[in-house]
Amino acid sequence: MQEISNKSTKSHSTALVLLNTRTMSGYKSIEEMLKPNSKAQWGNQFAFLHVPMPELKDHKSPNPLDFVLAASKIIKKKKTSLGIYLTGRVLEIVKKLRGPEAAARFVHGTLKNSSLSISNVIGPMEQVSLDNHPIKGLYFMVLGVPQNLIITIVSYMGSMRISAVMEKGFLDPQRFKSCVENAFEIILKAADGEIPI
């Protein structure tokens, strides 16, 4: 953002990280879920993490990994907070008491109050096929949400794909792509020790 406008150095951004909380209670086998009186929940269970984006006050920072480590520290701290469980429970209670439409309004309001959303899916390690046609790669995207920028990440067969969708006119897509590629290159060089810290 700072490369596009100096005013953005004073702005505050909040990312909404969609987190699958099913892994916290453990995965259950299909057989276990089909047992009578099974308490295992079907489907994925989600919670939201509101993560303030760390401010990059000096874009000439000697260590670009500081920004990555600061973001990672914030997310790890929030993942172990009580907020994860409370968010999921509030959503369940709203759905039970007021119905799915009220739960959808709750989610929409949460999305509307964040600058961007980030979500990921861990895909299969083996190649899959659809009607005997091997699938070379996967993407997924959340559409129709009230956010300016959505970033999704999916892994498939050991490779990672990142997708971004933005509101029309929000940013120049080619410039955004160039900034993201440049950031990844700087971070990779710093991690490899090519950039002195």
N, C-alpha and C. Protein backbone atom coordinates (compact mmCIF):
# COMPACT_ATOMS: atom_id res chain seq x y z
N MET A 1 0.83 -1.19 0.00
CA MET A 1 0.00 0.00 0.00
C MET A 1 0.87 1.25 0.00
N GLN A 2 2.00 1.19 0.72
CA GLN A 2 2.84 2.38 0.82
C GLN A 2 3.48 2.73 -0.51
N GLU A 3 3.71 1.74 -1.34
CA GLU A 3 4.30 2.02 -2.64
C GLU A 3 3.33 2.81 -3.51
N ILE A 4 2.05 2.62 -3.30
CA ILE A 4 1.03 3.30 -4.10
C ILE A 4 0.77 4.70 -3.56
N SER A 5 0.76 4.88 -2.25
CA SER A 5 0.44 6.18 -1.67
C SER A 5 1.14 6.36 -0.33
N ASN A 6 1.77 7.53 -0.13
CA ASN A 6 2.40 7.81 1.15
C ASN A 6 1.36 7.99 2.25
N LYS A 7 0.13 8.40 1.89
CA LYS A 7 -0.93 8.56 2.88
C LYS A 7 -1.27 7.23 3.54
N SER A 8 -1.02 6.13 2.84
CA SER A 8 -1.36 4.82 3.40
C SER A 8 -0.47 4.44 4.58
N THR A 9 0.64 5.16 4.79
CA THR A 9 1.48 4.86 5.95
C THR A 9 0.77 5.22 7.24
N LYS A 10 -0.22 6.12 7.17
CA LYS A 10 -0.96 6.53 8.36
C LYS A 10 -2.28 5.78 8.51
N SER A 11 -2.65 5.00 7.51
CA SER A 11 -3.92 4.28 7.58
C SER A 11 -3.75 2.96 8.33
N HIS A 12 -4.85 2.47 8.87
CA HIS A 12 -4.84 1.21 9.60
C HIS A 12 -5.71 0.21 8.84
N SER A 13 -5.21 -0.98 8.68
CA SER A 13 -5.95 -2.03 7.97
C SER A 13 -6.15 -3.22 8.89
N THR A 14 -7.30 -3.85 8.72
CA THR A 14 -7.61 -5.06 9.48
C THR A 14 -7.87 -6.19 8.51
N ALA A 15 -7.19 -7.29 8.72
CA ALA A 15 -7.42 -8.48 7.90
C ALA A 15 -8.35 -9.40 8.67
N LEU A 16 -9.25 -10.03 7.96
CA LEU A 16 -10.13 -11.03 8.55
C LEU A 16 -9.62 -12.38 8.08
N VAL A 17 -9.10 -13.17 9.01
CA VAL A 17 -8.57 -14.49 8.69
C VAL A 17 -9.64 -15.51 9.04
N LEU A 18 -10.08 -16.26 8.05
CA LEU A 18 -11.07 -17.31 8.25
C LEU A 18 -10.34 -18.56 8.71
N LEU A 19 -10.73 -19.09 9.86
CA LEU A 19 -10.01 -20.19 10.48
C LEU A 19 -10.92 -21.39 10.65
N ASN A 20 -10.48 -22.55 10.21
CA ASN A 20 -11.23 -23.79 10.39
C ASN A 20 -10.91 -24.33 11.78
N THR A 21 -11.88 -24.29 12.68
CA THR A 21 -11.65 -24.74 14.06
C THR A 21 -11.92 -26.22 14.24
N ARG A 22 -12.31 -26.90 13.19
CA ARG A 22 -12.57 -28.34 13.30
C ARG A 22 -11.32 -29.10 13.74
N THR A 23 -10.16 -28.63 13.30
CA THR A 23 -8.91 -29.31 13.66
C THR A 23 -8.63 -29.23 15.15
N MET A 24 -9.21 -28.25 15.83
CA MET A 24 -8.97 -28.11 17.27
C MET A 24 -9.63 -29.23 18.07
N SER A 25 -10.79 -29.67 17.61
CA SER A 25 -11.47 -30.75 18.32
C SER A 25 -11.07 -32.12 17.76
N GLY A 26 -10.34 -32.13 16.66
CA GLY A 26 -9.87 -33.37 16.07
C GLY A 26 -10.79 -33.89 14.98
N TYR A 27 -10.20 -34.47 13.97
CA TYR A 27 -10.98 -35.05 12.89
C TYR A 27 -11.52 -36.41 13.31
N LYS A 28 -12.70 -36.72 12.87
CA LYS A 28 -13.32 -38.01 13.16
C LYS A 28 -13.51 -38.75 11.84
N SER A 29 -13.43 -40.06 11.90
CA SER A 29 -13.64 -40.86 10.69
C SER A 29 -15.14 -40.88 10.36
N ILE A 30 -15.45 -41.22 9.12
CA ILE A 30 -16.85 -41.30 8.68
C ILE A 30 -17.59 -42.31 9.53
N GLU A 31 -16.95 -43.46 9.78
CA GLU A 31 -17.61 -44.51 10.58
C GLU A 31 -17.98 -43.98 11.96
N GLU A 32 -17.06 -43.22 12.55
CA GLU A 32 -17.31 -42.67 13.88
C GLU A 32 -18.44 -41.63 13.85
N MET A 33 -18.51 -40.87 12.77
CA MET A 33 -19.54 -39.84 12.66
C MET A 33 -20.92 -40.45 12.41
N LEU A 34 -20.96 -41.64 11.78
CA LEU A 34 -22.23 -42.29 11.47
C LEU A 34 -22.82 -43.07 12.64
N LYS A 35 -22.04 -43.27 13.69
CA LYS A 35 -22.53 -44.02 14.85
C LYS A 35 -23.72 -43.30 15.48
N PRO A 36 -24.70 -44.09 16.00
CA PRO A 36 -25.82 -43.46 16.68
C PRO A 36 -25.33 -42.67 17.90
N ASN A 37 -25.96 -41.55 18.15
CA ASN A 37 -25.62 -40.66 19.27
C ASN A 37 -24.19 -40.11 19.20
N SER A 38 -23.63 -40.06 18.01
CA SER A 38 -22.28 -39.50 17.85
C SER A 38 -22.33 -37.99 18.09
N LYS A 39 -21.37 -37.49 18.83
CA LYS A 39 -21.31 -36.06 19.10
C LYS A 39 -20.40 -35.34 18.09
N ALA A 40 -19.87 -36.10 17.15
CA ALA A 40 -19.00 -35.50 16.14
C ALA A 40 -19.81 -34.60 15.22
N GLN A 41 -19.29 -33.40 14.97
CA GLN A 41 -20.00 -32.45 14.11
C GLN A 41 -19.63 -32.70 12.65
N TRP A 42 -20.63 -32.55 11.80
CA TRP A 42 -20.41 -32.68 10.36
C TRP A 42 -19.94 -31.35 9.81
N GLY A 43 -19.14 -31.42 8.77
CA GLY A 43 -18.69 -30.21 8.08
C GLY A 43 -17.62 -29.46 8.84
N ASN A 44 -17.22 -28.37 8.25
CA ASN A 44 -16.19 -27.54 8.86
C ASN A 44 -16.80 -26.57 9.85
N GLN A 45 -16.06 -26.23 10.85
CA GLN A 45 -16.47 -25.26 11.86
C GLN A 45 -15.53 -24.06 11.72
N PHE A 46 -16.12 -22.88 11.56
CA PHE A 46 -15.31 -21.70 11.28
C PHE A 46 -15.36 -20.67 12.38
N ALA A 47 -14.30 -19.92 12.48
CA ALA A 47 -14.23 -18.75 13.34
C ALA A 47 -13.44 -17.68 12.58
N PHE A 48 -13.61 -16.45 13.00
CA PHE A 48 -12.92 -15.34 12.36
C PHE A 48 -11.85 -14.78 13.29
N LEU A 49 -10.73 -14.43 12.73
CA LEU A 49 -9.69 -13.72 13.47
C LEU A 49 -9.58 -12.32 12.88
N HIS A 50 -9.79 -11.31 13.67
CA HIS A 50 -9.55 -9.93 13.24
C HIS A 50 -8.10 -9.63 13.55
N VAL A 51 -7.30 -9.45 12.52
CA VAL A 51 -5.86 -9.27 12.71
C VAL A 51 -5.47 -7.89 12.20
N PRO A 52 -4.97 -7.01 13.10
CA PRO A 52 -4.49 -5.72 12.62
C PRO A 52 -3.22 -5.93 11.81
N MET A 53 -3.17 -5.30 10.65
CA MET A 53 -1.99 -5.44 9.80
C MET A 53 -0.84 -4.66 10.43
N PRO A 54 0.33 -5.29 10.62
CA PRO A 54 1.47 -4.56 11.18
C PRO A 54 1.84 -3.39 10.26
N GLU A 55 2.20 -2.28 10.87
CA GLU A 55 2.55 -1.11 10.08
C GLU A 55 4.01 -1.19 9.65
N LEU A 56 4.22 -0.97 8.39
CA LEU A 56 5.57 -0.97 7.84
C LEU A 56 6.01 0.49 7.76
N LYS A 57 6.49 1.01 8.89
CA LYS A 57 6.79 2.44 9.00
C LYS A 57 7.94 2.85 8.10
N ASP A 58 8.94 1.99 7.99
CA ASP A 58 10.10 2.31 7.18
C ASP A 58 10.26 1.23 6.13
N HIS A 59 9.88 1.53 4.88
CA HIS A 59 9.92 0.50 3.84
C HIS A 59 11.34 0.11 3.46
N LYS A 60 12.34 0.81 3.98
CA LYS A 60 13.74 0.44 3.74
C LYS A 60 14.28 -0.35 4.94
N SER A 61 13.41 -1.00 5.67
CA SER A 61 13.81 -1.77 6.85
C SER A 61 14.93 -2.73 6.50
N PRO A 62 15.95 -2.83 7.35
CA PRO A 62 17.06 -3.72 7.04
C PRO A 62 16.66 -5.19 7.04
N ASN A 63 15.58 -5.53 7.72
CA ASN A 63 15.14 -6.92 7.76
C ASN A 63 13.67 -7.03 7.36
N PRO A 64 13.40 -7.39 6.10
CA PRO A 64 12.01 -7.50 5.66
C PRO A 64 11.26 -8.64 6.35
N LEU A 65 11.98 -9.56 6.97
CA LEU A 65 11.31 -10.65 7.67
C LEU A 65 10.66 -10.17 8.97
N ASP A 66 11.07 -8.99 9.47
CA ASP A 66 10.45 -8.46 10.69
C ASP A 66 8.95 -8.29 10.50
N PHE A 67 8.55 -7.81 9.34
CA PHE A 67 7.13 -7.62 9.03
C PHE A 67 6.39 -8.96 9.04
N VAL A 68 6.99 -9.96 8.40
CA VAL A 68 6.38 -11.30 8.34
C VAL A 68 6.29 -11.90 9.74
N LEU A 69 7.36 -11.78 10.52
CA LEU A 69 7.37 -12.33 11.87
C LEU A 69 6.38 -11.62 12.78
N ALA A 70 6.22 -10.30 12.61
CA ALA A 70 5.24 -9.55 13.42
C ALA A 70 3.83 -10.03 13.11
N ALA A 71 3.51 -10.22 11.82
CA ALA A 71 2.18 -10.71 11.44
C ALA A 71 1.96 -12.12 11.97
N SER A 72 2.98 -12.97 11.88
CA SER A 72 2.87 -14.35 12.37
C SER A 72 2.64 -14.37 13.88
N LYS A 73 3.33 -13.51 14.60
CA LYS A 73 3.18 -13.44 16.06
C LYS A 73 1.76 -13.02 16.44
N ILE A 74 1.22 -12.04 15.74
CA ILE A 74 -0.16 -11.58 16.00
C ILE A 74 -1.14 -12.72 15.77
N ILE A 75 -1.00 -13.43 14.65
CA ILE A 75 -1.93 -14.52 14.32
C ILE A 75 -1.83 -15.65 15.32
N LYS A 76 -0.61 -16.05 15.70
CA LYS A 76 -0.44 -17.13 16.68
C LYS A 76 -1.07 -16.77 18.02
N LYS A 77 -0.89 -15.54 18.43
CA LYS A 77 -1.48 -15.08 19.70
C LYS A 77 -3.00 -15.13 19.64
N LYS A 78 -3.56 -14.68 18.53
CA LYS A 78 -5.02 -14.67 18.39
C LYS A 78 -5.59 -16.08 18.24
N LYS A 79 -4.84 -17.00 17.61
CA LYS A 79 -5.32 -18.37 17.43
C LYS A 79 -5.48 -19.11 18.75
N THR A 80 -4.71 -18.72 19.75
CA THR A 80 -4.80 -19.38 21.05
C THR A 80 -5.68 -18.62 22.03
N SER A 81 -6.33 -17.56 21.56
CA SER A 81 -7.16 -16.77 22.46
C SER A 81 -8.56 -17.37 22.58
N LEU A 82 -9.27 -16.92 23.59
CA LEU A 82 -10.64 -17.36 23.83
C LEU A 82 -11.58 -16.86 22.73
N GLY A 83 -11.16 -15.80 22.04
CA GLY A 83 -11.99 -15.22 20.98
C GLY A 83 -12.37 -16.21 19.89
N ILE A 84 -11.49 -17.16 19.59
CA ILE A 84 -11.78 -18.18 18.58
C ILE A 84 -13.02 -18.96 18.96
N TYR A 85 -13.06 -19.45 20.19
CA TYR A 85 -14.19 -20.26 20.63
C TYR A 85 -15.45 -19.42 20.76
N LEU A 86 -15.31 -18.20 21.26
CA LEU A 86 -16.47 -17.34 21.44
C LEU A 86 -17.11 -16.96 20.11
N THR A 87 -16.29 -16.67 19.11
CA THR A 87 -16.82 -16.32 17.79
C THR A 87 -17.64 -17.46 17.21
N GLY A 88 -17.10 -18.67 17.28
CA GLY A 88 -17.82 -19.84 16.78
C GLY A 88 -19.11 -20.10 17.54
N ARG A 89 -19.06 -19.95 18.86
CA ARG A 89 -20.26 -20.19 19.69
C ARG A 89 -21.33 -19.14 19.44
N VAL A 90 -20.92 -17.87 19.33
CA VAL A 90 -21.89 -16.80 19.05
C VAL A 90 -22.60 -17.07 17.73
N LEU A 91 -21.84 -17.48 16.73
CA LEU A 91 -22.44 -17.79 15.43
C LEU A 91 -23.43 -18.94 15.54
N GLU A 92 -23.08 -19.98 16.30
CA GLU A 92 -24.00 -21.12 16.51
C GLU A 92 -25.27 -20.68 17.23
N ILE A 93 -25.12 -19.86 18.27
CA ILE A 93 -26.28 -19.39 19.04
C ILE A 93 -27.19 -18.53 18.19
N VAL A 94 -26.60 -17.61 17.42
CA VAL A 94 -27.41 -16.76 16.53
C VAL A 94 -28.17 -17.63 15.54
N LYS A 95 -27.51 -18.64 14.99
CA LYS A 95 -28.16 -19.52 14.02
C LYS A 95 -29.31 -20.30 14.65
N LYS A 96 -29.12 -20.79 15.88
CA LYS A 96 -30.17 -21.57 16.55
C LYS A 96 -31.35 -20.70 16.97
N LEU A 97 -31.07 -19.51 17.51
CA LEU A 97 -32.13 -18.66 18.05
C LEU A 97 -32.85 -17.83 16.99
N ARG A 98 -32.10 -17.33 16.03
CA ARG A 98 -32.69 -16.41 15.05
C ARG A 98 -32.75 -16.96 13.63
N GLY A 99 -32.10 -18.09 13.39
CA GLY A 99 -32.16 -18.70 12.07
C GLY A 99 -30.96 -18.40 11.21
N PRO A 100 -30.87 -19.10 10.07
CA PRO A 100 -29.70 -18.95 9.20
C PRO A 100 -29.57 -17.55 8.58
N GLU A 101 -30.71 -16.86 8.35
CA GLU A 101 -30.63 -15.52 7.77
C GLU A 101 -29.93 -14.56 8.72
N ALA A 102 -30.25 -14.66 10.02
CA ALA A 102 -29.60 -13.80 11.01
C ALA A 102 -28.12 -14.13 11.12
N ALA A 103 -27.78 -15.40 11.02
CA ALA A 103 -26.37 -15.80 11.06
C ALA A 103 -25.64 -15.24 9.84
N ALA A 104 -26.30 -15.26 8.68
CA ALA A 104 -25.70 -14.71 7.46
C ALA A 104 -25.49 -13.20 7.61
N ARG A 105 -26.44 -12.49 8.22
CA ARG A 105 -26.28 -11.05 8.46
C ARG A 105 -25.11 -10.79 9.41
N PHE A 106 -24.96 -11.64 10.41
CA PHE A 106 -23.84 -11.52 11.36
C PHE A 106 -22.51 -11.67 10.62
N VAL A 107 -22.41 -12.68 9.79
CA VAL A 107 -21.18 -12.91 9.02
C VAL A 107 -20.93 -11.74 8.07
N HIS A 108 -21.99 -11.27 7.39
CA HIS A 108 -21.86 -10.15 6.46
C HIS A 108 -21.35 -8.90 7.18
N GLY A 109 -21.90 -8.64 8.37
CA GLY A 109 -21.45 -7.49 9.16
C GLY A 109 -20.00 -7.61 9.56
N THR A 110 -19.57 -8.81 9.90
CA THR A 110 -18.18 -9.05 10.26
C THR A 110 -17.27 -8.79 9.06
N LEU A 111 -17.67 -9.28 7.89
CA LEU A 111 -16.88 -9.08 6.68
C LEU A 111 -16.80 -7.61 6.31
N LYS A 112 -17.92 -6.90 6.48
CA LYS A 112 -18.00 -5.49 6.08
C LYS A 112 -17.06 -4.61 6.91
N ASN A 113 -16.76 -5.01 8.13
CA ASN A 113 -15.93 -4.20 9.01
C ASN A 113 -14.45 -4.56 8.95
N SER A 114 -14.02 -5.19 7.88
CA SER A 114 -12.60 -5.50 7.72
C SER A 114 -12.12 -5.03 6.36
N SER A 115 -10.84 -4.80 6.24
CA SER A 115 -10.26 -4.27 5.01
C SER A 115 -10.07 -5.35 3.96
N LEU A 116 -9.65 -6.53 4.40
CA LEU A 116 -9.43 -7.64 3.48
C LEU A 116 -9.65 -8.94 4.21
N SER A 117 -9.86 -10.00 3.45
CA SER A 117 -9.98 -11.32 4.07
C SER A 117 -8.95 -12.26 3.46
N ILE A 118 -8.48 -13.16 4.31
CA ILE A 118 -7.49 -14.15 3.89
C ILE A 118 -8.01 -15.51 4.33
N SER A 119 -8.01 -16.47 3.41
CA SER A 119 -8.46 -17.81 3.75
C SER A 119 -7.59 -18.81 3.01
N ASN A 120 -7.51 -20.01 3.57
CA ASN A 120 -6.71 -21.04 2.90
C ASN A 120 -7.40 -22.40 3.00
N VAL A 121 -7.05 -23.25 2.07
CA VAL A 121 -7.54 -24.63 2.05
C VAL A 121 -6.33 -25.53 1.82
N ILE A 122 -6.21 -26.55 2.65
CA ILE A 122 -5.16 -27.54 2.45
C ILE A 122 -5.75 -28.62 1.57
N GLY A 123 -5.24 -28.72 0.36
CA GLY A 123 -5.76 -29.69 -0.60
C GLY A 123 -5.05 -31.02 -0.51
N PRO A 124 -5.46 -31.97 -1.36
CA PRO A 124 -4.85 -33.30 -1.34
C PRO A 124 -3.39 -33.28 -1.80
N MET A 125 -2.62 -34.22 -1.27
CA MET A 125 -1.22 -34.36 -1.67
C MET A 125 -1.10 -35.17 -2.96
N GLU A 126 -2.10 -36.01 -3.23
CA GLU A 126 -2.08 -36.84 -4.44
C GLU A 126 -2.94 -36.16 -5.51
N GLN A 127 -2.61 -36.44 -6.77
CA GLN A 127 -3.40 -35.88 -7.85
C GLN A 127 -4.78 -36.52 -7.87
N VAL A 128 -5.80 -35.69 -8.07
CA VAL A 128 -7.17 -36.19 -8.17
C VAL A 128 -7.65 -35.98 -9.60
N SER A 129 -8.74 -36.66 -9.93
CA SER A 129 -9.29 -36.51 -11.27
C SER A 129 -10.79 -36.29 -11.18
N LEU A 130 -11.32 -35.69 -12.20
CA LEU A 130 -12.75 -35.45 -12.32
C LEU A 130 -13.20 -36.08 -13.62
N ASP A 131 -14.01 -37.12 -13.52
CA ASP A 131 -14.48 -37.87 -14.69
C ASP A 131 -13.29 -38.36 -15.52
N ASN A 132 -12.32 -38.94 -14.83
CA ASN A 132 -11.10 -39.49 -15.43
C ASN A 132 -10.21 -38.45 -16.12
N HIS A 133 -10.40 -37.17 -15.80
CA HIS A 133 -9.52 -36.11 -16.30
C HIS A 133 -8.69 -35.62 -15.12
N PRO A 134 -7.36 -35.82 -15.17
CA PRO A 134 -6.52 -35.39 -14.06
C PRO A 134 -6.58 -33.87 -13.87
N ILE A 135 -6.65 -33.46 -12.62
CA ILE A 135 -6.69 -32.04 -12.29
C ILE A 135 -5.26 -31.58 -12.02
N LYS A 136 -4.82 -30.58 -12.79
CA LYS A 136 -3.44 -30.09 -12.67
C LYS A 136 -3.28 -29.10 -11.53
N GLY A 137 -4.32 -28.35 -11.23
CA GLY A 137 -4.22 -27.35 -10.17
C GLY A 137 -5.59 -26.91 -9.70
N LEU A 138 -5.63 -26.36 -8.49
CA LEU A 138 -6.89 -25.92 -7.89
C LEU A 138 -6.79 -24.48 -7.42
N TYR A 139 -7.88 -23.77 -7.54
CA TYR A 139 -8.05 -22.44 -6.97
C TYR A 139 -9.41 -22.43 -6.28
N PHE A 140 -9.58 -21.55 -5.31
CA PHE A 140 -10.92 -21.31 -4.79
C PHE A 140 -11.03 -19.82 -4.48
N MET A 141 -12.24 -19.32 -4.52
CA MET A 141 -12.45 -17.90 -4.28
C MET A 141 -13.81 -17.69 -3.64
N VAL A 142 -13.88 -16.73 -2.74
CA VAL A 142 -15.13 -16.34 -2.11
C VAL A 142 -15.61 -15.09 -2.84
N LEU A 143 -16.79 -15.14 -3.40
CA LEU A 143 -17.31 -14.01 -4.18
C LEU A 143 -18.56 -13.44 -3.52
N GLY A 144 -18.86 -12.20 -3.86
CA GLY A 144 -20.08 -11.57 -3.37
C GLY A 144 -19.99 -11.07 -1.94
N VAL A 145 -18.78 -10.90 -1.41
CA VAL A 145 -18.63 -10.38 -0.05
C VAL A 145 -18.29 -8.90 -0.11
N PRO A 146 -18.63 -8.15 0.94
CA PRO A 146 -18.45 -6.69 0.91
C PRO A 146 -17.04 -6.23 1.28
N GLN A 147 -16.04 -6.75 0.61
CA GLN A 147 -14.67 -6.37 0.92
C GLN A 147 -13.96 -5.91 -0.33
N ASN A 148 -12.97 -5.05 -0.13
CA ASN A 148 -12.21 -4.53 -1.25
C ASN A 148 -11.21 -5.54 -1.80
N LEU A 149 -10.69 -6.39 -0.92
CA LEU A 149 -9.64 -7.32 -1.34
C LEU A 149 -9.81 -8.66 -0.63
N ILE A 150 -9.75 -9.73 -1.40
CA ILE A 150 -9.86 -11.09 -0.86
C ILE A 150 -8.67 -11.88 -1.38
N ILE A 151 -7.98 -12.55 -0.47
CA ILE A 151 -6.83 -13.38 -0.85
C ILE A 151 -7.11 -14.80 -0.38
N THR A 152 -6.99 -15.75 -1.29
CA THR A 152 -7.18 -17.16 -0.93
C THR A 152 -5.92 -17.93 -1.32
N ILE A 153 -5.63 -18.94 -0.51
CA ILE A 153 -4.44 -19.75 -0.71
C ILE A 153 -4.87 -21.21 -0.69
N VAL A 154 -4.41 -21.99 -1.66
CA VAL A 154 -4.73 -23.42 -1.66
C VAL A 154 -3.46 -24.20 -1.99
N SER A 155 -3.27 -25.30 -1.27
CA SER A 155 -2.15 -26.19 -1.59
C SER A 155 -2.72 -27.44 -2.25
N TYR A 156 -1.99 -27.93 -3.25
CA TYR A 156 -2.42 -29.13 -3.98
C TYR A 156 -1.18 -29.79 -4.53
N MET A 157 -1.00 -31.06 -4.22
CA MET A 157 0.15 -31.84 -4.68
C MET A 157 1.48 -31.16 -4.35
N GLY A 158 1.57 -30.58 -3.17
CA GLY A 158 2.82 -29.99 -2.73
C GLY A 158 3.12 -28.60 -3.28
N SER A 159 2.21 -28.02 -4.06
CA SER A 159 2.44 -26.66 -4.55
C SER A 159 1.33 -25.75 -4.02
N MET A 160 1.65 -24.47 -3.93
CA MET A 160 0.72 -23.51 -3.38
C MET A 160 0.31 -22.51 -4.45
N ARG A 161 -0.99 -22.18 -4.46
CA ARG A 161 -1.49 -21.18 -5.39
C ARG A 161 -2.20 -20.09 -4.60
N ILE A 162 -1.90 -18.87 -4.95
CA ILE A 162 -2.50 -17.72 -4.27
C ILE A 162 -3.36 -16.98 -5.28
N SER A 163 -4.59 -16.67 -4.89
CA SER A 163 -5.51 -15.92 -5.74
C SER A 163 -5.91 -14.65 -5.02
N ALA A 164 -6.12 -13.60 -5.77
CA ALA A 164 -6.58 -12.34 -5.19
C ALA A 164 -7.68 -11.77 -6.08
N VAL A 165 -8.73 -11.29 -5.43
CA VAL A 165 -9.82 -10.62 -6.13
C VAL A 165 -10.03 -9.29 -5.43
N MET A 166 -10.18 -8.24 -6.22
CA MET A 166 -10.40 -6.93 -5.61
C MET A 166 -11.56 -6.22 -6.28
N GLU A 167 -12.13 -5.30 -5.52
CA GLU A 167 -13.24 -4.50 -6.02
C GLU A 167 -12.77 -3.70 -7.23
N LYS A 168 -13.64 -3.59 -8.23
CA LYS A 168 -13.29 -2.88 -9.45
C LYS A 168 -12.93 -1.42 -9.11
N GLY A 169 -11.79 -0.99 -9.60
CA GLY A 169 -11.34 0.38 -9.37
C GLY A 169 -10.63 0.59 -8.04
N PHE A 170 -10.55 -0.43 -7.19
CA PHE A 170 -9.90 -0.28 -5.89
C PHE A 170 -8.40 -0.10 -6.04
N LEU A 171 -7.77 -0.97 -6.80
CA LEU A 171 -6.33 -0.91 -7.08
C LEU A 171 -6.10 -1.28 -8.53
N ASP A 172 -4.98 -0.86 -9.07
CA ASP A 172 -4.58 -1.30 -10.39
C ASP A 172 -4.09 -2.74 -10.27
N PRO A 173 -4.78 -3.71 -10.90
CA PRO A 173 -4.42 -5.13 -10.73
C PRO A 173 -2.97 -5.44 -11.10
N GLN A 174 -2.45 -4.84 -12.17
CA GLN A 174 -1.08 -5.13 -12.58
C GLN A 174 -0.07 -4.58 -11.57
N ARG A 175 -0.37 -3.40 -11.03
CA ARG A 175 0.52 -2.82 -10.02
C ARG A 175 0.47 -3.65 -8.74
N PHE A 176 -0.72 -4.09 -8.35
CA PHE A 176 -0.87 -4.93 -7.16
C PHE A 176 -0.07 -6.22 -7.33
N LYS A 177 -0.21 -6.86 -8.50
CA LYS A 177 0.53 -8.10 -8.77
C LYS A 177 2.03 -7.85 -8.69
N SER A 178 2.48 -6.75 -9.27
CA SER A 178 3.90 -6.42 -9.24
C SER A 178 4.40 -6.21 -7.81
N CYS A 179 3.60 -5.52 -6.98
CA CYS A 179 3.97 -5.28 -5.58
C CYS A 179 4.04 -6.58 -4.80
N VAL A 180 3.08 -7.48 -5.02
CA VAL A 180 3.06 -8.76 -4.31
C VAL A 180 4.27 -9.60 -4.73
N GLU A 181 4.55 -9.67 -6.03
CA GLU A 181 5.71 -10.43 -6.51
C GLU A 181 7.01 -9.86 -5.94
N ASN A 182 7.11 -8.53 -5.91
CA ASN A 182 8.29 -7.87 -5.36
C ASN A 182 8.45 -8.19 -3.87
N ALA A 183 7.35 -8.16 -3.13
CA ALA A 183 7.40 -8.48 -1.69
C ALA A 183 7.84 -9.92 -1.46
N PHE A 184 7.28 -10.86 -2.24
CA PHE A 184 7.69 -12.26 -2.10
C PHE A 184 9.17 -12.43 -2.41
N GLU A 185 9.64 -11.74 -3.45
CA GLU A 185 11.05 -11.85 -3.83
C GLU A 185 11.96 -11.30 -2.72
N ILE A 186 11.60 -10.16 -2.14
CA ILE A 186 12.40 -9.58 -1.05
C ILE A 186 12.42 -10.50 0.16
N ILE A 187 11.26 -11.04 0.52
CA ILE A 187 11.17 -11.95 1.67
C ILE A 187 11.98 -13.22 1.42
N LEU A 188 11.88 -13.77 0.21
CA LEU A 188 12.64 -14.98 -0.13
C LEU A 188 14.14 -14.73 -0.05
N LYS A 189 14.59 -13.60 -0.59
CA LYS A 189 16.02 -13.28 -0.54
C LYS A 189 16.49 -13.08 0.90
N ALA A 190 15.65 -12.45 1.72
CA ALA A 190 16.02 -12.25 3.13
C ALA A 190 16.09 -13.59 3.85
N ALA A 191 15.14 -14.48 3.56
CA ALA A 191 15.12 -15.80 4.21
C ALA A 191 16.31 -16.64 3.77
N ASP A 192 16.74 -16.47 2.51
CA ASP A 192 17.90 -17.22 2.00
C ASP A 192 19.23 -16.59 2.42
N GLY A 193 19.18 -15.43 3.06
CA GLY A 193 20.40 -14.76 3.50
C GLY A 193 21.05 -13.92 2.44
N GLU A 194 20.37 -13.70 1.30
CA GLU A 194 20.95 -12.89 0.23
C GLU A 194 20.92 -11.40 0.58
N ILE A 195 19.94 -11.00 1.41
CA ILE A 195 19.86 -9.61 1.84
C ILE A 195 20.47 -9.54 3.23
N PRO A 196 21.49 -8.69 3.42
CA PRO A 196 22.09 -8.60 4.76
C PRO A 196 21.10 -8.01 5.76
N ILE A 197 21.12 -8.59 6.94
CA ILE A 197 20.18 -8.15 7.98
C ILE A 197 20.90 -7.25 8.97
